C-alpha cells in the first residue's frame, strides 16, 4: 500500500467521483474538497512537489479495499483470479491485513469465500498460523455468513488445531521466547473460536 498520490491524480479521482454524483462543476468542488481534507479535517497532508499522503492509515486502507472492489466489479483488468492472488500473496504482510479484512466485508460472500480459502491453503507455510487467524477475522467481516457454512467449519477445524500449536522444529523447553509464542498463538486461536 503506497501512501502517496500526486495532486493531478487526486484531482482526477475526485472529479470523476463528483461527476458520478452529478455535482455541477466538479473541478471547483474538487479544489475545495482537497483544501477541506487538508486544512480542516487533517485527512490529507501536502508533502510538497504536488504530492499528497493520507495522514490516517485507516482511510488509506478503506480506499484501497474500495478500489479493489471497484476494479473487480467494473473493470476487465482485475479478475477473480487476481483478487485471490492478492489474498494468497498479501496475507502475511501486516500493512495489507486490514485491507483484506475490509475487502471481505464488502465483496460479498461468494468472493469472500474464495479469498478466505486462499488464505487457509497457506496454513502449511511458514507462519501459516497467521493465515488461519486472519482467515477467521476475515470470516467475521462477511455479512452473509449463512451462505458459507462449509468454510466456517473448515476455519473452526483449523483454529482447533492451533489450540495445540507447537513449532515443527526442536527447541529447548526452557526457551521463554518459543514458549511465549506458542502460548500467544494458542490464546489467539481460543479467542477466535470463542468469537464464533
C-alpha atoms as a PDB file:
ATOM      1  CA  UNK A   1       0.000   0.000   0.000  1.00  0.00           C
ATOM      2  CA  UNK A   2       1.553   3.264  -1.081  1.00  0.00           C
ATOM      3  CA  UNK A   3       0.555   6.339   0.878  1.00  0.00           C
ATOM      4  CA  UNK A   4       1.449   8.869  -1.793  1.00  0.00           C
ATOM      5  CA  UNK A   5      -0.651  10.406  -4.555  1.00  0.00           C
ATOM      6  CA  UNK A   6       0.108  13.171  -6.992  1.00  0.00           C
ATOM      7  CA  UNK A   7      -2.068  16.274  -6.931  1.00  0.00           C
ATOM      8  CA  UNK A   8      -3.151  15.680 -10.544  1.00  0.00           C
ATOM      9  CA  UNK A   9      -4.185  12.079  -9.867  1.00  0.00           C
ATOM     10  CA  UNK A  10      -6.020  13.070  -6.681  1.00  0.00           C
ATOM     11  CA  UNK A  11      -7.944  15.771  -8.548  1.00  0.00           C
ATOM     12  CA  UNK A  12      -8.762  13.379 -11.363  1.00  0.00           C
ATOM     13  CA  UNK A  13     -10.152  10.733  -8.990  1.00  0.00           C
ATOM     14  CA  UNK A  14     -12.215  13.239  -7.022  1.00  0.00           C
ATOM     15  CA  UNK A  15     -13.551  14.916 -10.160  1.00  0.00           C
ATOM     16  CA  UNK A  16     -14.572  11.533 -11.594  1.00  0.00           C
ATOM     17  CA  UNK A  17     -16.451  10.731  -8.394  1.00  0.00           C
ATOM     18  CA  UNK A  18     -18.107  14.161  -8.413  1.00  0.00           C
ATOM     19  CA  UNK A  19     -19.318  13.521 -11.962  1.00  0.00           C
ATOM     20  CA  UNK A  20     -20.788  10.175 -10.888  1.00  0.00           C
ATOM     21  CA  UNK A  21     -22.632  12.067  -8.135  1.00  0.00           C
ATOM     22  CA  UNK A  22     -23.709  14.626 -10.773  1.00  0.00           C
ATOM     23  CA  UNK A  23     -22.108  17.527  -8.931  1.00  0.00           C
ATOM     24  CA  UNK A  24     -22.027  20.638 -11.126  1.00  0.00           C
ATOM     25  CA  UNK A  25     -18.552  21.994 -11.873  1.00  0.00           C
ATOM     26  CA  UNK A  26     -16.676  19.042 -10.344  1.00  0.00           C
ATOM     27  CA  UNK A  27     -13.249  20.669 -10.730  1.00  0.00           C
ATOM     28  CA  UNK A  28     -14.241  23.578  -8.484  1.00  0.00           C
ATOM     29  CA  UNK A  29     -15.666  21.242  -5.856  1.00  0.00           C
ATOM     30  CA  UNK A  30     -12.540  19.094  -6.077  1.00  0.00           C
ATOM     31  CA  UNK A  31     -10.289  22.041  -5.225  1.00  0.00           C
ATOM     32  CA  UNK A  32     -12.468  22.893  -2.217  1.00  0.00           C
ATOM     33  CA  UNK A  33     -12.633  19.283  -1.081  1.00  0.00           C
ATOM     34  CA  UNK A  34      -8.853  18.864  -1.167  1.00  0.00           C
ATOM     35  CA  UNK A  35      -8.446  22.082   0.796  1.00  0.00           C
ATOM     36  CA  UNK A  36     -11.011  20.941   3.367  1.00  0.00           C
ATOM     37  CA  UNK A  37      -9.437  17.472   3.707  1.00  0.00           C
ATOM     38  CA  UNK A  38      -6.053  19.082   4.208  1.00  0.00           C
ATOM     39  CA  UNK A  39      -6.696  22.172   6.317  1.00  0.00           C
ATOM     40  CA  UNK A  40      -9.857  21.422   8.244  1.00  0.00           C
ATOM     41  CA  UNK A  41     -10.206  17.630   8.544  1.00  0.00           C
ATOM     42  CA  UNK A  42      -6.470  16.795   8.587  1.00  0.00           C
ATOM     43  CA  UNK A  43      -7.019  13.676   6.466  1.00  0.00           C
ATOM     44  CA  UNK A  44      -4.586  14.666   3.720  1.00  0.00           C
ATOM     45  CA  UNK A  45      -1.112  16.066   4.150  1.00  0.00           C
ATOM     46  CA  UNK A  46       0.600  18.114   1.477  1.00  0.00           C
ATOM     47  CA  UNK A  47       4.160  16.797   1.201  1.00  0.00           C
ATOM     48  CA  UNK A  48       5.478  19.291  -1.329  1.00  0.00           C
ATOM     49  CA  UNK A  49       6.263  18.809  -5.017  1.00  0.00           C
ATOM     50  CA  UNK A  50       2.495  18.499  -5.685  1.00  0.00           C
ATOM     51  CA  UNK A  51       2.284  15.253  -3.672  1.00  0.00           C
ATOM     52  CA  UNK A  52      -0.256  14.305  -1.001  1.00  0.00           C
ATOM     53  CA  UNK A  53      -0.481  11.492   1.530  1.00  0.00           C
ATOM     54  CA  UNK A  54      -3.153  10.246   3.897  1.00  0.00           C
ATOM     55  CA  UNK A  55      -2.494  11.234   7.481  1.00  0.00           C
ATOM     56  CA  UNK A  56      -4.523   8.365   8.894  1.00  0.00           C
ATOM     57  CA  UNK A  57      -3.774   4.871   7.672  1.00  0.00           C
ATOM     58  CA  UNK A  58      -7.413   3.887   8.202  1.00  0.00           C
ATOM     59  CA  UNK A  59      -8.553   5.961   5.237  1.00  0.00           C
ATOM     60  CA  UNK A  60      -5.819   4.570   3.044  1.00  0.00           C
ATOM     61  CA  UNK A  61      -6.842   1.001   3.941  1.00  0.00           C
ATOM     62  CA  UNK A  62     -10.514   1.700   3.353  1.00  0.00           C
ATOM     63  CA  UNK A  63      -9.946   3.380  -0.005  1.00  0.00           C
ATOM     64  CA  UNK A  64      -7.619   0.576  -1.068  1.00  0.00           C
ATOM     65  CA  UNK A  65     -10.309  -2.030  -0.281  1.00  0.00           C
ATOM     66  CA  UNK A  66     -12.965   0.025  -2.102  1.00  0.00           C
ATOM     67  CA  UNK A  67     -10.694   0.400  -5.117  1.00  0.00           C
ATOM     68  CA  UNK A  68     -10.068  -3.349  -5.319  1.00  0.00           C
ATOM     69  CA  UNK A  69     -13.828  -3.965  -5.127  1.00  0.00           C
ATOM     70  CA  UNK A  70     -14.414  -1.371  -7.850  1.00  0.00           C
ATOM     71  CA  UNK A  71     -11.782  -2.959 -10.088  1.00  0.00           C
ATOM     72  CA  UNK A  72     -13.300  -6.392  -9.554  1.00  0.00           C
ATOM     73  CA  UNK A  73     -16.838  -5.275 -10.356  1.00  0.00           C
ATOM     74  CA  UNK A  74     -16.317  -2.660 -13.022  1.00  0.00           C
ATOM     75  CA  UNK A  75     -13.150  -3.396 -14.975  1.00  0.00           C
ATOM     76  CA  UNK A  76     -11.952  -6.263 -17.057  1.00  0.00           C
ATOM     77  CA  UNK A  77      -8.342  -5.854 -15.999  1.00  0.00           C
ATOM     78  CA  UNK A  78      -8.800  -7.163 -12.427  1.00  0.00           C
ATOM     79  CA  UNK A  79     -10.337 -10.625 -12.344  1.00  0.00           C
ATOM     80  CA  UNK A  80     -11.487 -13.027  -9.662  1.00  0.00           C
ATOM     81  CA  UNK A  81      -8.132 -14.828 -10.034  1.00  0.00           C
ATOM     82  CA  UNK A  82      -6.318 -11.542  -9.443  1.00  0.00           C
ATOM     83  CA  UNK A  83      -8.375 -10.986  -6.296  1.00  0.00           C
ATOM     84  CA  UNK A  84      -7.491 -14.441  -4.970  1.00  0.00           C
ATOM     85  CA  UNK A  85      -3.828 -13.827  -5.820  1.00  0.00           C
ATOM     86  CA  UNK A  86      -3.883 -10.654  -3.688  1.00  0.00           C
ATOM     87  CA  UNK A  87      -5.050 -12.692  -0.692  1.00  0.00           C
ATOM     88  CA  UNK A  88      -2.575 -15.501  -1.369  1.00  0.00           C
ATOM     89  CA  UNK A  89       0.365 -13.088  -1.650  1.00  0.00           C
ATOM     90  CA  UNK A  90      -0.523 -10.409   0.919  1.00  0.00           C
ATOM     91  CA  UNK A  91      -1.913 -12.300   3.965  1.00  0.00           C
ATOM     92  CA  UNK A  92       1.468 -12.246   5.711  1.00  0.00           C
ATOM     93  CA  UNK A  93       2.098  -8.527   5.155  1.00  0.00           C
ATOM     94  CA  UNK A  94       0.882  -6.572   8.171  1.00  0.00           C
ATOM     95  CA  UNK A  95       0.189  -3.450   6.099  1.00  0.00           C
ATOM     96  CA  UNK A  96      -2.342  -5.397   3.996  1.00  0.00           C
ATOM     97  CA  UNK A  97      -4.207  -7.290   6.706  1.00  0.00           C
ATOM     98  CA  UNK A  98      -6.820  -4.619   7.479  1.00  0.00           C
ATOM     99  CA  UNK A  99      -7.390  -4.109   3.742  1.00  0.00           C
ATOM    100  CA  UNK A 100      -8.074  -7.831   3.355  1.00  0.00           C
ATOM    101  CA  UNK A 101     -10.484  -7.825   6.308  1.00  0.00           C
ATOM    102  CA  UNK A 102     -12.348  -4.796   4.964  1.00  0.00           C
ATOM    103  CA  UNK A 103     -12.473  -6.291   1.499  1.00  0.00           C
ATOM    104  CA  UNK A 104     -14.108  -9.484   2.780  1.00  0.00           C
ATOM    105  CA  UNK A 105     -16.827  -7.357   4.317  1.00  0.00           C
ATOM    106  CA  UNK A 106     -17.722  -5.577   1.078  1.00  0.00           C
ATOM    107  CA  UNK A 107     -17.222  -8.042  -1.788  1.00  0.00           C
ATOM    108  CA  UNK A 108     -19.999 -10.483  -0.954  1.00  0.00           C
ATOM    109  CA  UNK A 109     -19.971 -13.990   0.438  1.00  0.00           C
ATOM    110  CA  UNK A 110     -19.084 -15.788  -2.797  1.00  0.00           C
ATOM    111  CA  UNK A 111     -15.892 -13.819  -3.434  1.00  0.00           C
ATOM    112  CA  UNK A 112     -15.030 -13.691   0.265  1.00  0.00           C
ATOM    113  CA  UNK A 113     -15.259 -17.483   0.445  1.00  0.00           C
ATOM    114  CA  UNK A 114     -12.674 -17.860  -2.323  1.00  0.00           C
ATOM    115  CA  UNK A 115     -10.377 -15.267  -0.754  1.00  0.00           C
ATOM    116  CA  UNK A 116     -10.545 -16.808   2.701  1.00  0.00           C
ATOM    117  CA  UNK A 117      -9.984 -20.275   1.232  1.00  0.00           C
ATOM    118  CA  UNK A 118      -6.807 -18.970  -0.427  1.00  0.00           C
ATOM    119  CA  UNK A 119      -5.507 -17.931   2.990  1.00  0.00           C
ATOM    120  CA  UNK A 120      -6.456 -21.251   4.572  1.00  0.00           C
ATOM    121  CA  UNK A 121      -4.456 -23.004   1.856  1.00  0.00           C
ATOM    122  CA  UNK A 122      -1.417 -21.093   3.149  1.00  0.00           C
ATOM    123  CA  UNK A 123      -1.725 -22.602   6.643  1.00  0.00           C
ATOM    124  CA  UNK A 124       1.127 -25.050   5.981  1.00  0.00           C
ATOM    125  CA  UNK A 125       3.561 -22.302   5.005  1.00  0.00           C
ATOM    126  CA  UNK A 126       5.987 -20.779   7.499  1.00  0.00           C
ATOM    127  CA  UNK A 127       3.905 -18.627   9.876  1.00  0.00           C
ATOM    128  CA  UNK A 128       0.818 -20.304   8.430  1.00  0.00           C
ATOM    129  CA  UNK A 129      -0.897 -19.919  11.779  1.00  0.00           C
ATOM    130  CA  UNK A 130      -1.219 -16.230  10.932  1.00  0.00           C
ATOM    131  CA  UNK A 131      -3.095 -17.152   7.757  1.00  0.00           C
ATOM    132  CA  UNK A 132      -5.598 -19.170   9.807  1.00  0.00           C
ATOM    133  CA  UNK A 133      -6.079 -16.370  12.342  1.00  0.00           C
ATOM    134  CA  UNK A 134      -6.528 -13.779   9.590  1.00  0.00           C
ATOM    135  CA  UNK A 135      -8.954 -16.082   7.775  1.00  0.00           C
ATOM    136  CA  UNK A 136     -11.071 -16.227  10.947  1.00  0.00           C
ATOM    137  CA  UNK A 137     -11.005 -12.432  11.213  1.00  0.00           C
ATOM    138  CA  UNK A 138     -11.989 -12.078   7.556  1.00  0.00           C
ATOM    139  CA  UNK A 139     -14.831 -14.539   8.051  1.00  0.00           C
ATOM    140  CA  UNK A 140     -16.163 -12.344  10.874  1.00  0.00           C
ATOM    141  CA  UNK A 141     -16.467  -9.478   8.365  1.00  0.00           C
ATOM    142  CA  UNK A 142     -18.704 -11.416   5.941  1.00  0.00           C
ATOM    143  CA  UNK A 143     -22.314 -10.310   6.258  1.00  0.00           C
ATOM    144  CA  UNK A 144     -23.961 -13.281   4.555  1.00  0.00           C
ATOM    145  CA  UNK A 145     -22.200 -15.867   6.746  1.00  0.00           C
ATOM    146  CA  UNK A 146     -25.011 -18.388   6.300  1.00  0.00           C
ATOM    147  CA  UNK A 147     -24.010 -18.800   2.656  1.00  0.00           C
ATOM    148  CA  UNK A 148     -20.551 -20.129   3.531  1.00  0.00           C
ATOM    149  CA  UNK A 149     -21.154 -22.613   6.348  1.00  0.00           C
ATOM    150  CA  UNK A 150     -18.667 -25.167   4.985  1.00  0.00           C
ATOM    151  CA  UNK A 151     -15.871 -22.597   5.071  1.00  0.00           C
ATOM    152  CA  UNK A 152     -16.818 -21.655   8.611  1.00  0.00           C
ATOM    153  CA  UNK A 153     -16.489 -25.314   9.619  1.00  0.00           C
ATOM    154  CA  UNK A 154     -13.048 -25.538   7.955  1.00  0.00           C
ATOM    155  CA  UNK A 155     -11.865 -22.483   9.840  1.00  0.00           C
ATOM    156  CA  UNK A 156     -13.141 -23.922  13.115  1.00  0.00           C
ATOM    157  CA  UNK A 157     -11.150 -27.115  12.475  1.00  0.00           C
ATOM    158  CA  UNK A 158      -8.018 -25.098  11.642  1.00  0.00           C
ATOM    159  CA  UNK A 159      -8.455 -22.995  14.797  1.00  0.00           C
ATOM    160  CA  UNK A 160      -8.930 -26.124  16.906  1.00  0.00           C
ATOM    161  CA  UNK A 161      -5.641 -27.426  15.515  1.00  0.00           C
ATOM    162  CA  UNK A 162      -3.962 -24.154  16.536  1.00  0.00           C
ATOM    163  CA  UNK A 163      -5.075 -24.640  20.130  1.00  0.00           C
ATOM    164  CA  UNK A 164      -2.485 -27.439  20.208  1.00  0.00           C
ATOM    165  CA  UNK A 165       0.064 -25.488  18.138  1.00  0.00           C
ATOM    166  CA  UNK A 166       3.738 -26.314  18.506  1.00  0.00           C
ATOM    167  CA  UNK A 167       6.732 -25.392  16.382  1.00  0.00           C
ATOM    168  CA  UNK A 168       7.718 -28.039  13.831  1.00  0.00           C
ATOM    169  CA  UNK A 169      11.349 -27.928  14.931  1.00  0.00           C
ATOM    170  CA  UNK A 170      13.261 -28.872  18.042  1.00  0.00           C
ATOM    171  CA  UNK A 171      13.732 -26.192  20.653  1.00  0.00           C
ATOM    172  CA  UNK A 172      14.736 -26.197  24.275  1.00  0.00           C
ATOM    173  CA  UNK A 173      11.624 -26.226  26.505  1.00  0.00           C
ATOM    174  CA  UNK A 174      13.366 -23.686  28.721  1.00  0.00           C
ATOM    175  CA  UNK A 175      13.385 -21.114  25.910  1.00  0.00           C
ATOM    176  CA  UNK A 176      10.959 -18.466  27.044  1.00  0.00           C
ATOM    177  CA  UNK A 177      10.659 -16.870  23.600  1.00  0.00           C
ATOM    178  CA  UNK A 178       9.333 -20.013  21.905  1.00  0.00           C
ATOM    179  CA  UNK A 179       7.026 -20.849  24.796  1.00  0.00           C
ATOM    180  CA  UNK A 180       5.630 -17.313  24.811  1.00  0.00           C
ATOM    181  CA  UNK A 181       4.990 -17.519  21.059  1.00  0.00           C
ATOM    182  CA  UNK A 182       3.234 -20.880  21.436  1.00  0.00           C
ATOM    183  CA  UNK A 183       1.048 -19.569  24.254  1.00  0.00           C
ATOM    184  CA  UNK A 184       0.183 -16.479  22.234  1.00  0.00           C
ATOM    185  CA  UNK A 185      -0.815 -18.463  19.141  1.00  0.00           C
ATOM    186  CA  UNK A 186      -2.915 -20.872  21.205  1.00  0.00           C
ATOM    187  CA  UNK A 187      -4.606 -17.996  23.056  1.00  0.00           C
ATOM    188  CA  UNK A 188      -5.429 -16.193  19.800  1.00  0.00           C
ATOM    189  CA  UNK A 189      -6.936 -19.417  18.413  1.00  0.00           C
ATOM    190  CA  UNK A 190      -9.107 -19.844  21.501  1.00  0.00           C
ATOM    191  CA  UNK A 191     -10.221 -16.214  21.277  1.00  0.00           C
ATOM    192  CA  UNK A 192     -11.187 -16.672  17.612  1.00  0.00           C
ATOM    193  CA  UNK A 193     -13.168 -19.810  18.444  1.00  0.00           C
ATOM    194  CA  UNK A 194     -14.990 -18.037  21.273  1.00  0.00           C
ATOM    195  CA  UNK A 195     -15.887 -15.146  18.951  1.00  0.00           C
ATOM    196  CA  UNK A 196     -17.548 -17.685  16.701  1.00  0.00           C
END
